[in-house]
C-alpha cells in the first residue's frame, strides 16, 4: 500500500508543480487552489509512505515521478521543447525510479 500511495503522491507533486507555474505568483485563484490542495495531499501521501519505506528511497521516487511527469506534461503541451534527448533523459529518471522499487 505504501508504494501505491507514494506513486500517487508523486503524481500529485506534478499536479501542484504545474499549478504553481500556472498560478502566476498566486494571482489566479483556480490554479492557486489546485496548488494548495495538491501540495497538501502530496505531502500527506509522502509522509504516509515514509512510515514504512526508507526516507531516501521514498523521497527519490516521489521527486523522480513528479519531475518526470511535470517535464513530460510541459513538453506535451508545448511549454518546453520536445526532443529525443530530453525524452531519453526523462526515461532514465523513470528507469531509476523503477530500479529503486525493484531493489527495495
Protein backbone atom coordinates (compact mmCIF):
# COMPACT_ATOMS: atom_id res chain seq x y z
CA UNK A 1 0.00 0.00 0.00
CA UNK A 2 2.88 2.39 0.78
CA UNK A 3 4.21 2.12 -2.77
CA UNK A 4 0.80 2.83 -4.28
CA UNK A 5 0.38 5.91 -2.07
CA UNK A 6 3.92 7.03 -2.90
CA UNK A 7 3.32 6.82 -6.65
CA UNK A 8 0.03 8.69 -6.29
CA UNK A 9 1.83 11.33 -4.22
CA UNK A 10 4.44 11.67 -6.97
CA UNK A 11 1.66 12.26 -9.50
CA UNK A 12 0.20 14.89 -7.17
CA UNK A 13 3.61 16.54 -6.99
CA UNK A 14 3.43 17.05 -10.74
CA UNK A 15 -0.08 18.46 -10.34
CA UNK A 16 0.92 21.03 -7.74
CA UNK A 17 4.13 21.96 -9.55
CA UNK A 18 2.22 22.60 -12.77
CA UNK A 19 -0.49 24.52 -10.90
CA UNK A 20 2.19 26.63 -9.21
CA UNK A 21 3.52 27.71 -12.58
CA UNK A 22 0.03 28.49 -13.83
CA UNK A 23 -0.93 30.45 -10.70
CA UNK A 24 1.21 33.37 -11.93
CA UNK A 25 2.55 34.16 -8.47
CA UNK A 26 -0.70 33.15 -6.75
CA UNK A 27 -2.66 35.80 -8.65
CA UNK A 28 -5.01 33.30 -10.32
CA UNK A 29 -7.49 31.62 -7.98
CA UNK A 30 -8.15 28.24 -9.61
CA UNK A 31 -4.50 27.22 -10.12
CA UNK A 32 -3.69 28.50 -6.62
CA UNK A 33 -6.40 26.31 -5.09
CA UNK A 34 -5.20 23.30 -7.11
CA UNK A 35 -1.65 24.04 -5.95
CA UNK A 36 -2.60 24.16 -2.25
CA UNK A 37 -4.79 21.05 -2.34
CA UNK A 38 -2.29 19.11 -4.46
CA UNK A 39 0.59 20.10 -2.21
CA UNK A 40 -1.22 19.06 0.95
CA UNK A 41 -2.36 15.73 -0.50
CA UNK A 42 1.08 15.03 -1.96
CA UNK A 43 2.87 15.74 1.31
CA UNK A 44 0.42 13.67 3.33
CA UNK A 45 0.93 10.75 0.96
CA UNK A 46 4.71 11.10 1.11
CA UNK A 47 4.58 11.19 4.91
CA UNK A 48 2.40 8.08 4.96
CA UNK A 49 4.75 6.21 2.62
CA UNK A 50 7.77 7.19 4.70
CA UNK A 51 6.29 5.38 7.69
CA UNK A 52 7.22 2.07 6.06
CA UNK A 53 9.71 2.97 3.30
CA UNK A 54 13.23 4.34 3.78
CA UNK A 55 13.31 8.14 3.62
CA UNK A 56 15.92 8.29 0.85
CA UNK A 57 14.09 5.81 -1.36
CA UNK A 58 10.67 7.36 -0.79
CA UNK A 59 11.90 10.88 -1.44
CA UNK A 60 13.85 9.91 -4.57
CA UNK A 61 10.85 8.07 -6.02
CA UNK A 62 8.48 10.94 -5.15
CA UNK A 63 10.74 13.56 -6.73
CA UNK A 64 11.53 11.38 -9.74
CA UNK A 65 7.89 10.74 -10.56
CA UNK A 66 6.97 14.37 -10.03
CA UNK A 67 9.85 15.73 -12.08
CA UNK A 68 9.36 13.31 -14.97
CA UNK A 69 5.62 13.94 -15.17
CA UNK A 70 5.97 17.72 -14.82
CA UNK A 71 8.58 17.91 -17.57
CA UNK A 72 6.69 15.42 -19.74
CA UNK A 73 3.48 17.44 -19.42
CA UNK A 74 5.32 20.65 -20.26
CA UNK A 75 6.73 19.04 -23.39
CA UNK A 76 3.35 17.58 -24.35
CA UNK A 77 1.67 20.99 -24.06
CA UNK A 78 4.43 22.79 -25.95
CA UNK A 79 5.65 24.80 -22.97
CA UNK A 80 9.06 23.15 -23.24
CA UNK A 81 10.84 21.79 -26.31
CA UNK A 82 10.25 18.15 -27.15
CA UNK A 83 13.48 16.47 -28.21
CA UNK A 84 14.60 12.89 -28.36
CA UNK A 85 17.39 13.61 -25.88
CA UNK A 86 15.01 15.14 -23.34
CA UNK A 87 12.65 12.18 -23.64
CA UNK A 88 15.56 9.76 -23.25
CA UNK A 89 16.77 11.56 -20.13
CA UNK A 90 13.27 11.54 -18.61
CA UNK A 91 13.03 7.83 -19.35
CA UNK A 92 16.29 7.48 -17.44
CA UNK A 93 14.64 9.06 -14.40
CA UNK A 94 11.70 6.68 -14.74
CA UNK A 95 14.11 3.76 -15.05
CA UNK A 96 15.87 4.80 -11.87
CA UNK A 97 12.53 5.01 -10.03
CA UNK A 98 11.64 1.50 -11.21
CA UNK A 99 15.10 0.33 -10.15
CA UNK A 100 14.60 1.71 -6.64
CA UNK A 101 11.32 -0.18 -6.40
CA UNK A 102 12.90 -3.41 -7.63
CA UNK A 103 15.77 -3.19 -5.18
CA UNK A 104 13.57 -2.48 -2.17
